PDB file of N, CA and C in Angstrom:
ATOM      1  N   MET A   1       0.767  -1.269   0.004  1.00  0.00           N
ATOM      2  CA  MET A   1       0.039   0.051  -0.046  1.00  0.00           C
ATOM      3  C   MET A   1       1.042   1.261  -0.059  1.00  0.00           C
ATOM      4  N   SER A   2       0.412   2.340  -0.443  1.00  0.00           N
ATOM      5  CA  SER A   2       1.124   3.556  -0.462  1.00  0.00           C
ATOM      6  C   SER A   2       0.287   4.835  -0.379  1.00  0.00           C
ATOM      7  N   TRP A   3       0.632   5.841  -0.003  1.00  0.00           N
ATOM      8  CA  TRP A   3      -0.223   7.106   0.024  1.00  0.00           C
ATOM      9  C   TRP A   3       0.899   8.322  -0.326  1.00  0.00           C
ATOM     10  N   SER A   4       0.310   9.380  -0.732  1.00  0.00           N
ATOM     11  CA  SER A   4       1.123  10.728  -0.913  1.00  0.00           C
ATOM     12  C   SER A   4       0.045  11.878  -0.913  1.00  0.00           C
ATOM     13  N   VAL A   5       0.627  12.996  -0.362  1.00  0.00           N
ATOM     14  CA  VAL A   5       0.009  14.142  -0.245  1.00  0.00           C
ATOM     15  C   VAL A   5       0.899  15.372  -0.692  1.00  0.00           C
ATOM     16  N   SER A   6       0.416  16.358  -1.291  1.00  0.00           N
ATOM     17  CA  SER A   6       1.166  17.553  -1.579  1.00  0.00           C
ATOM     18  C   SER A   6       0.265  18.776  -1.804  1.00  0.00           C
ATOM     19  N   ALA A   7       0.968  19.893  -1.469  1.00  0.00           N
ATOM     20  CA  ALA A   7       0.097  21.190  -1.633  1.00  0.00           C
ATOM     21  C   ALA A   7       1.067  22.353  -1.530  1.00  0.00           C
ATOM     22  N   VAL A   8       0.740  23.475  -2.270  1.00  0.00           N
ATOM     23  CA  VAL A   8       1.459  24.709  -2.202  1.00  0.00           C
ATOM     24  C   VAL A   8       0.466  25.819  -1.922  1.00  0.00           C
ATOM     25  N   GLY A   9       0.870  26.673  -1.105  1.00  0.00           N
ATOM     26  CA  GLY A   9       0.012  27.923  -0.902  1.00  0.00           C
ATOM     27  C   GLY A   9       0.368  28.515   0.518  1.00  0.00           C
ATOM     28  N   LYS A  10      -0.732  29.203   1.032  1.00  0.00           N
ATOM     29  CA  LYS A  10      -0.646  29.832   2.406  1.00  0.00           C
ATOM     30  C   LYS A  10      -0.875  28.659   3.421  1.00  0.00           C
ATOM     31  N   PRO A  11      -0.252  28.865   4.430  1.00  0.00           N
ATOM     32  CA  PRO A  11      -0.291  27.669   5.580  1.00  0.00           C
ATOM     33  C   PRO A  11      -1.688  27.162   5.753  1.00  0.00           C
ATOM     34  N   ALA A  12      -2.692  27.974   6.030  1.00  0.00           N
ATOM     35  CA  ALA A  12      -4.000  27.473   6.359  1.00  0.00           C
ATOM     36  C   ALA A  12      -4.656  26.830   5.241  1.00  0.00           C
ATOM     37  N   ALA A  13      -4.433  27.162   4.071  1.00  0.00           N
ATOM     38  CA  ALA A  13      -5.053  26.358   2.906  1.00  0.00           C
ATOM     39  C   ALA A  13      -4.267  25.155   2.725  1.00  0.00           C
ATOM     40  N   VAL A  14      -2.971  25.163   2.867  1.00  0.00           N
ATOM     41  CA  VAL A  14      -2.238  23.899   2.697  1.00  0.00           C
ATOM     42  C   VAL A  14      -2.735  22.742   3.727  1.00  0.00           C
ATOM     43  N   ALA A  15      -2.865  23.300   4.992  1.00  0.00           N
ATOM     44  CA  ALA A  15      -3.166  22.462   6.004  1.00  0.00           C
ATOM     45  C   ALA A  15      -4.576  21.808   5.707  1.00  0.00           C
ATOM     46  N   ALA A  16      -5.480  22.727   5.301  1.00  0.00           N
ATOM     47  CA  ALA A  16      -6.816  22.103   5.012  1.00  0.00           C
ATOM     48  C   ALA A  16      -6.658  21.144   3.846  1.00  0.00           C
ATOM     49  N   SER A  17      -5.952  21.351   2.805  1.00  0.00           N
ATOM     50  CA  SER A  17      -5.770  20.525   1.677  1.00  0.00           C
ATOM     51  C   SER A  17      -5.161  19.184   2.178  1.00  0.00           C
ATOM     52  N   ILE A  18      -4.125  19.174   2.942  1.00  0.00           N
ATOM     53  CA  ILE A  18      -3.402  18.021   3.440  1.00  0.00           C
ATOM     54  C   ILE A  18      -4.342  17.242   4.296  1.00  0.00           C
ATOM     55  N   ALA A  19      -4.986  17.798   5.278  1.00  0.00           N
ATOM     56  CA  ALA A  19      -5.959  17.052   6.143  1.00  0.00           C
ATOM     57  C   ALA A  19      -7.024  16.426   5.298  1.00  0.00           C
ATOM     58  N   LYS A  20      -7.575  17.033   4.243  1.00  0.00           N
ATOM     59  CA  LYS A  20      -8.627  16.341   3.428  1.00  0.00           C
ATOM     60  C   LYS A  20      -8.074  15.120   2.667  1.00  0.00           C
ATOM     61  N   SER A  21      -6.860  15.339   2.169  1.00  0.00           N
ATOM     62  CA  SER A  21      -6.108  14.224   1.458  1.00  0.00           C
ATOM     63  C   SER A  21      -5.709  13.026   2.442  1.00  0.00           C
ATOM     64  N   ILE A  22      -5.163  13.427   3.608  1.00  0.00           N
ATOM     65  CA  ILE A  22      -4.770  12.355   4.502  1.00  0.00           C
ATOM     66  C   ILE A  22      -6.076  11.633   4.955  1.00  0.00           C
ATOM     67  N   GLY A  23      -7.209  12.276   5.134  1.00  0.00           N
ATOM     68  CA  GLY A  23      -8.460  11.595   5.693  1.00  0.00           C
ATOM     69  C   GLY A  23      -9.129  10.711   4.521  1.00  0.00           C
ATOM     70  N   SER A  24      -8.814  11.117   3.253  1.00  0.00           N
ATOM     71  CA  SER A  24      -9.488  10.434   2.135  1.00  0.00           C
ATOM     72  C   SER A  24      -8.715   9.072   1.813  1.00  0.00           C
ATOM     73  N   SER A  25      -7.538   8.797   2.229  1.00  0.00           N
ATOM     74  CA  SER A  25      -6.899   7.594   1.811  1.00  0.00           C
ATOM     75  C   SER A  25      -6.799   6.615   2.998  1.00  0.00           C
ATOM     76  N   LYS A  26      -7.126   5.437   2.843  1.00  0.00           N
ATOM     77  CA  LYS A  26      -7.152   4.415   3.845  1.00  0.00           C
ATOM     78  C   LYS A  26      -5.994   3.296   3.620  1.00  0.00           C
ATOM     79  N   CYS A  27      -5.295   2.893   4.709  1.00  0.00           N
ATOM     80  CA  CYS A  27      -4.186   2.125   4.625  1.00  0.00           C
ATOM     81  C   CYS A  27      -4.320   0.940   5.629  1.00  0.00           C
ATOM     82  N   TYR A  28      -3.445  -0.088   5.348  1.00  0.00           N
ATOM     83  CA  TYR A  28      -3.535  -1.203   6.332  1.00  0.00           C
ATOM     84  C   TYR A  28      -2.749  -0.744   7.596  1.00  0.00           C
ATOM     85  N   GLU A  29      -2.871  -1.038   8.758  1.00  0.00           N
ATOM     86  CA  GLU A  29      -2.132  -1.000   9.918  1.00  0.00           C
ATOM     87  C   GLU A  29      -0.685  -1.661   9.721  1.00  0.00           C
ATOM     88  N   PRO A  30       0.406  -0.952  10.304  1.00  0.00           N
ATOM     89  CA  PRO A  30       0.475   0.294  10.952  1.00  0.00           C
ATOM     90  C   PRO A  30       0.569   1.547  10.068  1.00  0.00           C
ATOM     91  N   GLU A  31       0.551   1.184   8.810  1.00  0.00           N
ATOM     92  CA  GLU A  31       0.634   2.393   7.795  1.00  0.00           C
ATOM     93  C   GLU A  31      -0.390   3.445   8.079  1.00  0.00           C
ATOM     94  N   GLU A  32      -1.585   3.123   8.377  1.00  0.00           N
ATOM     95  CA  GLU A  32      -2.690   4.010   8.690  1.00  0.00           C
ATOM     96  C   GLU A  32      -2.362   4.965   9.898  1.00  0.00           C
ATOM     97  N   THR A  33      -1.876   4.397  10.892  1.00  0.00           N
ATOM     98  CA  THR A  33      -1.490   5.148  12.147  1.00  0.00           C
ATOM     99  C   THR A  33      -0.383   6.120  11.728  1.00  0.00           C
ATOM    100  N   ILE A  34       0.646   5.666  11.000  1.00  0.00           N
ATOM    101  CA  ILE A  34       1.819   6.468  10.586  1.00  0.00           C
ATOM    102  C   ILE A  34       1.355   7.658   9.768  1.00  0.00           C
ATOM    103  N   LYS A  35       0.404   7.441   8.708  1.00  0.00           N
ATOM    104  CA  LYS A  35       0.016   8.348   7.822  1.00  0.00           C
ATOM    105  C   LYS A  35      -0.774   9.471   8.651  1.00  0.00           C
ATOM    106  N   ASN A  36      -1.685   9.093   9.587  1.00  0.00           N
ATOM    107  CA  ASN A  36      -2.433  10.009  10.344  1.00  0.00           C
ATOM    108  C   ASN A  36      -1.663  10.928  11.388  1.00  0.00           C
ATOM    109  N   THR A  37      -0.644  10.124  11.994  1.00  0.00           N
ATOM    110  CA  THR A  37       0.382  10.764  12.768  1.00  0.00           C
ATOM    111  C   THR A  37       1.055  11.981  12.011  1.00  0.00           C
ATOM    112  N   ILE A  38       1.486  11.637  10.765  1.00  0.00           N
ATOM    113  CA  ILE A  38       2.168  12.512   9.900  1.00  0.00           C
ATOM    114  C   ILE A  38       1.215  13.704   9.629  1.00  0.00           C
ATOM    115  N   GLY A  39      -0.047  13.523   9.315  1.00  0.00           N
ATOM    116  CA  GLY A  39      -0.968  14.511   9.242  1.00  0.00           C
ATOM    117  C   GLY A  39      -1.129  15.364  10.451  1.00  0.00           C
ATOM    118  N   THR A  40      -1.136  14.888  11.525  1.00  0.00           N
ATOM    119  CA  THR A  40      -1.070  15.779  12.914  1.00  0.00           C
ATOM    120  C   THR A  40       0.176  16.646  12.884  1.00  0.00           C
ATOM    121  N   VAL A  41       1.288  16.015  12.551  1.00  0.00           N
ATOM    122  CA  VAL A  41       2.706  16.709  12.578  1.00  0.00           C
ATOM    123  C   VAL A  41       2.608  17.859  11.600  1.00  0.00           C
ATOM    124  N   LEU A  42       2.211  17.575  10.357  1.00  0.00           N
ATOM    125  CA  LEU A  42       2.060  18.654   9.420  1.00  0.00           C
ATOM    126  C   LEU A  42       1.129  19.832   9.932  1.00  0.00           C
ATOM    127  N   ALA A  43       0.030  19.451  10.461  1.00  0.00           N
ATOM    128  CA  ALA A  43      -0.823  20.513  10.844  1.00  0.00           C
ATOM    129  C   ALA A  43      -0.259  21.336  11.950  1.00  0.00           C
ATOM    130  N   THR A  44       0.427  20.727  12.907  1.00  0.00           N
ATOM    131  CA  THR A  44       1.107  21.479  13.951  1.00  0.00           C
ATOM    132  C   THR A  44       2.189  22.369  13.400  1.00  0.00           C
ATOM    133  N   ALA A  45       2.938  21.839  12.374  1.00  0.00           N
ATOM    134  CA  ALA A  45       3.965  22.802  11.865  1.00  0.00           C
ATOM    135  C   ALA A  45       3.381  23.861  10.985  1.00  0.00           C
ATOM    136  N   LEU A  46       2.384  23.562  10.304  1.00  0.00           N
ATOM    137  CA  LEU A  46       1.726  24.577   9.467  1.00  0.00           C
ATOM    138  C   LEU A  46       1.091  25.746  10.288  1.00  0.00           C
ATOM    139  N   ALA A  47       0.503  25.372  11.406  1.00  0.00           N
ATOM    140  CA  ALA A  47      -0.092  26.414  12.367  1.00  0.00           C
ATOM    141  C   ALA A  47       0.971  27.310  12.825  1.00  0.00           C
ATOM    142  N   ALA A  48       2.183  27.046  12.920  1.00  0.00           N
ATOM    143  CA  ALA A  48       3.313  27.886  13.455  1.00  0.00           C
ATOM    144  C   ALA A  48       3.740  28.904  12.409  1.00  0.00           C
ATOM    145  N   PHE A  49       3.339  28.611  11.027  1.00  0.00           N
ATOM    146  CA  PHE A  49       3.963  29.576   9.909  1.00  0.00           C
ATOM    147  C   PHE A  49       3.216  30.984  10.090  1.00  0.00           C
ATOM    148  N   PRO A  50       3.830  31.992   9.632  1.00  0.00           N
ATOM    149  CA  PRO A  50       2.943  33.199   9.395  1.00  0.00           C
ATOM    150  C   PRO A  50       1.922  33.083   8.487  1.00  0.00           C
ATOM    151  N   PRO A  51       0.736  33.551   8.818  1.00  0.00           N
ATOM    152  CA  PRO A  51      -0.332  33.238   7.964  1.00  0.00           C
ATOM    153  C   PRO A  51      -0.227  33.790   6.546  1.00  0.00           C
ATOM    154  N   ASN A  52       0.555  34.818   6.171  1.00  0.00           N
ATOM    155  CA  ASN A  52       0.575  35.171   4.869  1.00  0.00           C
ATOM    156  C   ASN A  52       1.908  34.791   4.089  1.00  0.00           C
ATOM    157  N   SER A  53       2.467  33.804   4.721  1.00  0.00           N
ATOM    158  CA  SER A  53       3.749  33.220   3.993  1.00  0.00           C
ATOM    159  C   SER A  53       3.304  32.204   3.051  1.00  0.00           C
ATOM    160  N   ALA A  54       4.130  31.593   2.252  1.00  0.00           N
ATOM    161  CA  ALA A  54       3.881  30.617   1.374  1.00  0.00           C
ATOM    162  C   ALA A  54       4.659  29.234   1.656  1.00  0.00           C
ATOM    163  N   VAL A  55       4.125  28.119   1.472  1.00  0.00           N
ATOM    164  CA  VAL A  55       4.837  26.912   1.809  1.00  0.00           C
ATOM    165  C   VAL A  55       4.398  25.881   0.908  1.00  0.00           C
ATOM    166  N   ARG A  56       5.355  24.885   0.737  1.00  0.00           N
ATOM    167  CA  ARG A  56       5.185  23.680  -0.063  1.00  0.00           C
ATOM    168  C   ARG A  56       5.253  22.473   0.856  1.00  0.00           C
ATOM    169  N   VAL A  57       4.279  21.616   0.883  1.00  0.00           N
ATOM    170  CA  VAL A  57       4.448  20.307   1.659  1.00  0.00           C
ATOM    171  C   VAL A  57       4.223  19.186   0.740  1.00  0.00           C
ATOM    172  N   GLU A  58       5.170  18.143   0.959  1.00  0.00           N
ATOM    173  CA  GLU A  58       5.026  16.947   0.234  1.00  0.00           C
ATOM    174  C   GLU A  58       5.282  15.930   1.322  1.00  0.00           C
ATOM    175  N   ALA A  59       4.457  14.747   1.355  1.00  0.00           N
ATOM    176  CA  ALA A  59       4.592  13.637   2.182  1.00  0.00           C
ATOM    177  C   ALA A  59       4.110  12.454   1.486  1.00  0.00           C
ATOM    178  N   SER A  60       4.906  11.303   1.686  1.00  0.00           N
ATOM    179  CA  SER A  60       4.451  10.052   1.248  1.00  0.00           C
ATOM    180  C   SER A  60       4.997   8.935   2.064  1.00  0.00           C
ATOM    181  N   GLY A  61       4.326   7.784   1.840  1.00  0.00           N
ATOM    182  CA  GLY A  61       4.796   6.582   2.563  1.00  0.00           C
ATOM    183  C   GLY A  61       4.293   5.380   1.809  1.00  0.00           C
ATOM    184  N   SER A  62       5.071   4.300   2.172  1.00  0.00           N
ATOM    185  CA  SER A  62       4.441   2.997   1.516  1.00  0.00           C
ATOM    186  C   SER A  62       4.835   1.787   2.538  1.00  0.00           C
ATOM    187  N   GLN A  63       4.191   0.781   2.543  1.00  0.00           N
ATOM    188  CA  GLN A  63       4.300  -0.358   3.458  1.00  0.00           C
ATOM    189  C   GLN A  63       4.217  -1.602   2.596  1.00  0.00           C
ATOM    190  N   SER A  64       5.174  -2.429   2.970  1.00  0.00           N
ATOM    191  CA  SER A  64       5.230  -3.734   2.332  1.00  0.00           C
ATOM    192  C   SER A  64       5.411  -4.853   3.423  1.00  0.00           C
ATOM    193  N   VAL A  65       4.727  -5.982   2.977  1.00  0.00           N
ATOM    194  CA  VAL A  65       4.830  -7.153   3.900  1.00  0.00           C
ATOM    195  C   VAL A  65       5.783  -8.261   3.315  1.00  0.00           C
ATOM    196  N   PRO A  66       6.847  -8.337   3.943  1.00  0.00           N
ATOM    197  CA  PRO A  66       7.906  -9.258   3.289  1.00  0.00           C
ATOM    198  C   PRO A  66       7.492 -10.672   3.347  1.00  0.00           C
ATOM    199  N   ASP A  67       6.719 -11.095   4.203  1.00  0.00           N
ATOM    200  CA  ASP A  67       6.331 -12.534   4.422  1.00  0.00           C
ATOM    201  C   ASP A  67       4.979 -12.597   4.896  1.00  0.00           C
ATOM    202  N   SER A  68       4.105 -12.913   3.983  1.00  0.00           N
ATOM    203  CA  SER A  68       2.703 -12.930   4.161  1.00  0.00           C
ATOM    204  C   SER A  68       2.185 -13.970   5.201  1.00  0.00           C
ATOM    205  N   THR A  69       3.059 -14.836   5.563  1.00  0.00           N
ATOM    206  CA  THR A  69       2.718 -15.853   6.618  1.00  0.00           C
ATOM    207  C   THR A  69       2.998 -15.303   7.966  1.00  0.00           C
ATOM    208  N   LYS A  70       3.556 -14.068   8.108  1.00  0.00           N
ATOM    209  CA  LYS A  70       3.747 -13.447   9.556  1.00  0.00           C
ATOM    210  C   LYS A  70       2.935 -12.272   9.538  1.00  0.00           C
ATOM    211  N   PRO A  71       1.724 -12.417  10.070  1.00  0.00           N
ATOM    212  CA  PRO A  71       0.831 -11.211  10.262  1.00  0.00           C
ATOM    213  C   PRO A  71       1.600 -10.310  11.327  1.00  0.00           C
ATOM    214  N   GLY A  72       1.422  -8.931  10.885  1.00  0.00           N
ATOM    215  CA  GLY A  72       1.834  -7.869  11.961  1.00  0.00           C
ATOM    216  C   GLY A  72       3.299  -7.531  11.620  1.00  0.00           C
ATOM    217  N   VAL A  73       3.915  -8.185  10.626  1.00  0.00           N
ATOM    218  CA  VAL A  73       5.327  -7.938  10.334  1.00  0.00           C
ATOM    219  C   VAL A  73       5.190  -7.036   8.891  1.00  0.00           C
ATOM    220  N   ALA A  74       5.835  -5.858   9.031  1.00  0.00           N
ATOM    221  CA  ALA A  74       5.616  -4.978   7.835  1.00  0.00           C
ATOM    222  C   ALA A  74       6.884  -4.059   7.832  1.00  0.00           C
ATOM    223  N   THR A  75       7.262  -3.549   6.630  1.00  0.00           N
ATOM    224  CA  THR A  75       8.367  -2.504   6.608  1.00  0.00           C
ATOM    225  C   THR A  75       7.578  -1.202   5.920  1.00  0.00           C
ATOM    226  N   ASN A  76       8.065  -0.225   6.496  1.00  0.00           N
ATOM    227  CA  ASN A  76       7.497   1.163   6.035  1.00  0.00           C
ATOM    228  C   ASN A  76       8.515   2.074   5.663  1.00  0.00           C
ATOM    229  N   SER A  77       8.215   2.911   4.637  1.00  0.00           N
ATOM    230  CA  SER A  77       9.099   3.927   4.211  1.00  0.00           C
ATOM    231  C   SER A  77       8.362   5.237   4.288  1.00  0.00           C
ATOM    232  N   LEU A  78       9.000   6.350   4.622  1.00  0.00           N
ATOM    233  CA  LEU A  78       8.364   7.596   4.814  1.00  0.00           C
ATOM    234  C   LEU A  78       9.068   8.732   4.431  1.00  0.00           C
ATOM    235  N   THR A  79       8.523   9.790   3.678  1.00  0.00           N
ATOM    236  CA  THR A  79       9.279  10.976   3.257  1.00  0.00           C
ATOM    237  C   THR A  79       8.323  12.040   3.605  1.00  0.00           C
ATOM    238  N   VAL A  80       8.909  13.238   4.303  1.00  0.00           N
ATOM    239  CA  VAL A  80       8.120  14.332   4.731  1.00  0.00           C
ATOM    240  C   VAL A  80       8.988  15.571   4.279  1.00  0.00           C
ATOM    241  N   LYS A  81       8.355  16.546   3.661  1.00  0.00           N
ATOM    242  CA  LYS A  81       9.141  17.742   3.243  1.00  0.00           C
ATOM    243  C   LYS A  81       8.216  19.052   3.498  1.00  0.00           C
ATOM    244  N   ILE A  82       8.716  19.984   4.182  1.00  0.00           N
ATOM    245  CA  ILE A  82       7.983  21.160   4.539  1.00  0.00           C
ATOM    246  C   ILE A  82       8.915  22.308   4.145  1.00  0.00           C
ATOM    247  N   GLU A  83       8.586  23.078   2.994  1.00  0.00           N
ATOM    248  CA  GLU A  83       9.630  24.039   2.492  1.00  0.00           C
ATOM    249  C   GLU A  83       8.853  25.395   2.459  1.00  0.00           C
ATOM    250  N   PRO A  84       9.458  26.316   3.231  1.00  0.00           N
ATOM    251  CA  PRO A  84       8.953  27.678   3.043  1.00  0.00           C
ATOM    252  C   PRO A  84       9.367  28.266   1.754  1.00  0.00           C
ATOM    253  N   LEU A  85       8.529  29.038   1.152  1.00  0.00           N
ATOM    254  CA  LEU A  85       8.761  29.797  -0.190  1.00  0.00           C
ATOM    255  C   LEU A  85       9.006  31.042   0.058  1.00  0.00           C
ATOM    256  N   TRP A  86      10.283  31.594   0.161  1.00  0.00           N
ATOM    257  CA  TRP A  86      10.590  32.928   0.355  1.00  0.00           C
ATOM    258  C   TRP A  86      10.456  33.683  -1.000  1.00  0.00           C
ATOM    259  N   GLY A  87      10.046  34.914  -0.784  1.00  0.00           N
ATOM    260  CA  GLY A  87      10.076  35.916  -1.903  1.00  0.00           C
ATOM    261  C   GLY A  87       8.811  35.567  -2.648  1.00  0.00           C
ATOM    262  N   PHE A  88       7.804  34.881  -2.269  1.00  0.00           N
ATOM    263  CA  PHE A  88       6.616  34.628  -2.950  1.00  0.00           C
ATOM    264  C   PHE A  88       5.798  35.995  -3.115  1.00  0.00           C
ATOM    265  N   VAL A  89       5.298  36.082  -4.343  1.00  0.00           N
ATOM    266  CA  VAL A  89       4.668  37.479  -4.667  1.00  0.00           C
ATOM    267  C   VAL A  89       3.238  36.967  -5.081  1.00  0.00           C
ATOM    268  N   GLU A  90       2.194  37.753  -4.670  1.00  0.00           N
ATOM    269  CA  GLU A  90       0.863  37.538  -4.947  1.00  0.00           C
ATOM    270  C   GLU A  90       0.399  38.658  -6.037  1.00  0.00           C
TER     271      GLU A  90
END
């Protein structure tokens, strides 16, 4: 399974877009918990940005089960990027 989210804009709009995307994708555990925790982390980080600044957020993850005969054993990969966009002109 895998998931990804991305958005560019003002922090509040990016946070809303990311929350909607995170909530609309469903994954198997523990990937679901990892994805939702990253959603919370992103919301916290974006809430601290100045309201009129610009930011780009990209996050993705994937989970694989190396041996289907061993329930609960999985490997997960995760990438998270929060990038302030300096000099943004409206």
